[in-house]
Amino acid sequence: MAEKDYSGRPLIDKLGVKPGARVATLGIADTAFLESLAARTDDSTEGRCPPDCDVILLGLETVAELLQIEKCAKSLKPNGGLWVVYPKGRKDITQAHVMEAGLAAGLVDNKVASFSTTLTAMRFVIRVKDRVKA
């Protein structure tokens, strides 16, 4: 089976933001992305995580900020995704640091995407066995 080429897909689609989704952004300063988000959904919040989010984007610069993952995870819908957006190629905050923090918050990573030329995004979700049935 041939591999799919996702390189031409818009970032908003790669991140799984569907029309009408409840989205929270914290520490995301990319104006073009925020504009595409506003065009996709009218249920977005900047700077805080309201309850029952479909998608949360958490922009981080330091390992100390990784502690925010646990707080944000509490605002996810059971099938929601928390994207941790962090700098590429730095030794002070690495993929291993991000993965460890997500696991410590009770989440599991399941996808990575290039957010920009300087940022990587890693998605975390609640394990299926831990999801509360509504």
C-alpha atoms as a PDB file:
ATOM      1  CA  MET A   1       0.000   0.000   0.000  1.00  0.00           C
ATOM      2  CA  ALA A   2       1.378   3.410  -0.990  1.00  0.00           C
ATOM      3  CA  GLU A   3       2.118   5.954   1.734  1.00  0.00           C
ATOM      4  CA  LYS A   4      -0.062   9.063   1.850  1.00  0.00           C
ATOM      5  CA  ASP A   5       1.629  12.419   1.332  1.00  0.00           C
ATOM      6  CA  TYR A   6       0.449  14.801   4.051  1.00  0.00           C
ATOM      7  CA  SER A   7       2.933  17.566   3.220  1.00  0.00           C
ATOM      8  CA  GLY A   8       0.393  19.608   1.265  1.00  0.00           C
ATOM      9  CA  ARG A   9      -2.273  19.588   3.966  1.00  0.00           C
ATOM     10  CA  PRO A  10      -2.871  22.834   5.865  1.00  0.00           C
ATOM     11  CA  LEU A  11      -1.563  22.864   9.445  1.00  0.00           C
ATOM     12  CA  ILE A  12      -5.064  23.298  10.850  1.00  0.00           C
ATOM     13  CA  ASP A  13      -6.028  19.971   9.207  1.00  0.00           C
ATOM     14  CA  LYS A  14      -2.857  18.202  10.379  1.00  0.00           C
ATOM     15  CA  LEU A  15      -3.763  19.201  13.932  1.00  0.00           C
ATOM     16  CA  GLY A  16      -7.255  17.754  13.548  1.00  0.00           C
ATOM     17  CA  VAL A  17      -9.176  20.971  14.159  1.00  0.00           C
ATOM     18  CA  LYS A  18     -12.650  20.393  12.768  1.00  0.00           C
ATOM     19  CA  PRO A  19     -15.251  23.101  12.069  1.00  0.00           C
ATOM     20  CA  GLY A  20     -16.990  24.070  15.307  1.00  0.00           C
ATOM     21  CA  ALA A  21     -14.414  22.351  17.542  1.00  0.00           C
ATOM     22  CA  ARG A  22     -13.770  23.758  21.020  1.00  0.00           C
ATOM     23  CA  VAL A  23     -10.117  24.789  20.938  1.00  0.00           C
ATOM     24  CA  ALA A  24      -7.854  26.399  23.535  1.00  0.00           C
ATOM     25  CA  THR A  25      -4.497  27.979  22.735  1.00  0.00           C
ATOM     26  CA  LEU A  26      -1.884  28.857  25.316  1.00  0.00           C
ATOM     27  CA  GLY A  27       1.481  30.330  24.365  1.00  0.00           C
ATOM     28  CA  ILE A  28       0.771  30.197  20.614  1.00  0.00           C
ATOM     29  CA  ALA A  29       1.905  33.428  18.954  1.00  0.00           C
ATOM     30  CA  ASP A  30       1.682  32.391  15.293  1.00  0.00           C
ATOM     31  CA  THR A  31      -0.679  35.003  13.823  1.00  0.00           C
ATOM     32  CA  ALA A  32      -1.328  33.097  10.595  1.00  0.00           C
ATOM     33  CA  PHE A  33      -2.258  29.972  12.536  1.00  0.00           C
ATOM     34  CA  LEU A  34      -4.544  31.897  14.902  1.00  0.00           C
ATOM     35  CA  GLU A  35      -6.281  33.460  11.896  1.00  0.00           C
ATOM     36  CA  SER A  36      -6.839  30.038  10.309  1.00  0.00           C
ATOM     37  CA  LEU A  37      -8.158  28.800  13.657  1.00  0.00           C
ATOM     38  CA  ALA A  38     -10.633  31.703  13.855  1.00  0.00           C
ATOM     39  CA  ALA A  39     -11.794  30.877  10.330  1.00  0.00           C
ATOM     40  CA  ARG A  40     -12.296  27.207  11.269  1.00  0.00           C
ATOM     41  CA  THR A  41     -14.165  27.543  14.575  1.00  0.00           C
ATOM     42  CA  ASP A  42     -15.854  30.260  16.589  1.00  0.00           C
ATOM     43  CA  ASP A  43     -15.316  28.294  19.821  1.00  0.00           C
ATOM     44  CA  SER A  44     -11.700  29.099  20.591  1.00  0.00           C
ATOM     45  CA  THR A  45     -10.102  30.549  23.705  1.00  0.00           C
ATOM     46  CA  GLU A  46      -6.647  32.071  24.138  1.00  0.00           C
ATOM     47  CA  GLY A  47      -4.670  31.913  27.366  1.00  0.00           C
ATOM     48  CA  ARG A  48      -6.765  29.406  29.303  1.00  0.00           C
ATOM     49  CA  CYS A  49      -8.319  25.945  28.992  1.00  0.00           C
ATOM     50  CA  PRO A  50     -12.085  25.858  29.361  1.00  0.00           C
ATOM     51  CA  PRO A  51     -13.670  22.470  30.090  1.00  0.00           C
ATOM     52  CA  ASP A  52     -14.471  19.932  27.364  1.00  0.00           C
ATOM     53  CA  CYS A  53     -11.896  20.977  24.763  1.00  0.00           C
ATOM     54  CA  ASP A  54     -11.628  19.004  21.551  1.00  0.00           C
ATOM     55  CA  VAL A  55      -8.137  20.375  20.906  1.00  0.00           C
ATOM     56  CA  ILE A  56      -5.672  22.201  23.135  1.00  0.00           C
ATOM     57  CA  LEU A  57      -2.489  23.761  21.753  1.00  0.00           C
ATOM     58  CA  LEU A  58       0.093  24.461  24.443  1.00  0.00           C
ATOM     59  CA  GLY A  59       3.160  26.401  23.329  1.00  0.00           C
ATOM     60  CA  LEU A  60       6.215  25.902  25.543  1.00  0.00           C
ATOM     61  CA  GLU A  61       9.782  27.211  25.612  1.00  0.00           C
ATOM     62  CA  THR A  62      11.231  25.565  28.732  1.00  0.00           C
ATOM     63  CA  VAL A  63      11.175  22.249  30.567  1.00  0.00           C
ATOM     64  CA  ALA A  64       9.648  23.981  33.615  1.00  0.00           C
ATOM     65  CA  GLU A  65       6.608  24.912  31.528  1.00  0.00           C
ATOM     66  CA  LEU A  66       5.938  21.217  30.851  1.00  0.00           C
ATOM     67  CA  LEU A  67       4.117  21.127  34.201  1.00  0.00           C
ATOM     68  CA  GLN A  68       1.221  22.887  32.416  1.00  0.00           C
ATOM     69  CA  ILE A  69       0.442  19.658  30.537  1.00  0.00           C
ATOM     70  CA  GLU A  70      -1.221  18.062  33.562  1.00  0.00           C
ATOM     71  CA  LYS A  71      -3.496  21.071  34.149  1.00  0.00           C
ATOM     72  CA  CYS A  72      -4.462  21.275  30.467  1.00  0.00           C
ATOM     73  CA  ALA A  73      -5.157  17.537  30.301  1.00  0.00           C
ATOM     74  CA  LYS A  74      -8.008  17.996  32.776  1.00  0.00           C
ATOM     75  CA  SER A  75      -9.814  20.192  30.230  1.00  0.00           C
ATOM     76  CA  LEU A  76      -9.792  17.621  27.414  1.00  0.00           C
ATOM     77  CA  LYS A  77     -12.859  15.803  26.190  1.00  0.00           C
ATOM     78  CA  PRO A  78     -12.301  12.044  26.522  1.00  0.00           C
ATOM     79  CA  ASN A  79     -11.428  11.797  22.815  1.00  0.00           C
ATOM     80  CA  GLY A  80      -9.691  15.192  22.616  1.00  0.00           C
ATOM     81  CA  GLY A  81      -6.064  15.930  21.814  1.00  0.00           C
ATOM     82  CA  LEU A  82      -3.472  18.069  23.560  1.00  0.00           C
ATOM     83  CA  TRP A  83      -0.783  19.359  21.209  1.00  0.00           C
ATOM     84  CA  VAL A  84       2.436  20.431  22.917  1.00  0.00           C
ATOM     85  CA  VAL A  85       4.243  22.883  20.642  1.00  0.00           C
ATOM     86  CA  TYR A  86       7.929  23.280  21.435  1.00  0.00           C
ATOM     87  CA  PRO A  87      11.158  24.461  19.745  1.00  0.00           C
ATOM     88  CA  LYS A  88      12.938  22.179  17.297  1.00  0.00           C
ATOM     89  CA  GLY A  89      16.570  21.227  17.715  1.00  0.00           C
ATOM     90  CA  ARG A  90      17.243  22.518  21.203  1.00  0.00           C
ATOM     91  CA  LYS A  91      18.988  20.426  23.842  1.00  0.00           C
ATOM     92  CA  ASP A  92      17.311  22.129  26.815  1.00  0.00           C
ATOM     93  CA  ILE A  93      13.804  20.957  25.793  1.00  0.00           C
ATOM     94  CA  THR A  94      13.722  17.769  23.763  1.00  0.00           C
ATOM     95  CA  GLN A  95      11.195  15.273  22.480  1.00  0.00           C
ATOM     96  CA  ALA A  96      12.158  13.013  25.385  1.00  0.00           C
ATOM     97  CA  HIS A  97      11.344  15.765  27.908  1.00  0.00           C
ATOM     98  CA  VAL A  98       7.958  16.374  26.287  1.00  0.00           C
ATOM     99  CA  MET A  99       7.097  12.663  26.117  1.00  0.00           C
ATOM    100  CA  GLU A 100       8.066  12.124  29.744  1.00  0.00           C
ATOM    101  CA  ALA A 101       5.912  15.041  30.903  1.00  0.00           C
ATOM    102  CA  GLY A 102       2.916  13.828  28.907  1.00  0.00           C
ATOM    103  CA  LEU A 103       3.218  10.318  30.306  1.00  0.00           C
ATOM    104  CA  ALA A 104       3.565  11.717  33.833  1.00  0.00           C
ATOM    105  CA  ALA A 105       0.264  13.560  33.261  1.00  0.00           C
ATOM    106  CA  GLY A 106      -1.421  10.250  32.415  1.00  0.00           C
ATOM    107  CA  LEU A 107      -1.501  10.824  28.668  1.00  0.00           C
ATOM    108  CA  VAL A 108       0.008   8.952  25.746  1.00  0.00           C
ATOM    109  CA  ASP A 109       1.602  10.498  22.664  1.00  0.00           C
ATOM    110  CA  ASN A 110       0.281   9.372  19.302  1.00  0.00           C
ATOM    111  CA  LYS A 111       1.292  11.893  16.656  1.00  0.00           C
ATOM    112  CA  VAL A 112       3.964  14.432  15.761  1.00  0.00           C
ATOM    113  CA  ALA A 113       3.632  17.281  13.281  1.00  0.00           C
ATOM    114  CA  SER A 114       5.806  20.130  12.128  1.00  0.00           C
ATOM    115  CA  PHE A 115       4.108  23.283  13.417  1.00  0.00           C
ATOM    116  CA  SER A 116       6.553  25.615  11.653  1.00  0.00           C
ATOM    117  CA  THR A 117      10.179  25.730  10.552  1.00  0.00           C
ATOM    118  CA  THR A 118      11.185  26.310  14.186  1.00  0.00           C
ATOM    119  CA  LEU A 119       8.484  24.449  16.148  1.00  0.00           C
ATOM    120  CA  THR A 120       7.379  20.834  16.528  1.00  0.00           C
ATOM    121  CA  ALA A 121       3.980  19.719  17.819  1.00  0.00           C
ATOM    122  CA  MET A 122       3.399  16.439  19.654  1.00  0.00           C
ATOM    123  CA  ARG A 123      -0.158  15.255  20.319  1.00  0.00           C
ATOM    124  CA  PHE A 124      -1.166  13.566  23.536  1.00  0.00           C
ATOM    125  CA  VAL A 125      -4.463  11.824  24.210  1.00  0.00           C
ATOM    126  CA  ILE A 126      -6.135  10.113  27.127  1.00  0.00           C
ATOM    127  CA  ARG A 127      -5.578   6.362  26.984  1.00  0.00           C
ATOM    128  CA  VAL A 128      -8.697   4.563  25.744  1.00  0.00           C
ATOM    129  CA  LYS A 129      -8.883   2.497  28.940  1.00  0.00           C
ATOM    130  CA  ASP A 130      -8.860   5.722  31.001  1.00  0.00           C
ATOM    131  CA  ARG A 131     -11.579   7.546  29.061  1.00  0.00           C
ATOM    132  CA  VAL A 132     -14.768   8.154  31.013  1.00  0.00           C
ATOM    133  CA  LYS A 133     -17.829   7.044  29.116  1.00  0.00           C
ATOM    134  CA  ALA A 134     -20.490   9.732  28.916  1.00  0.00           C
END
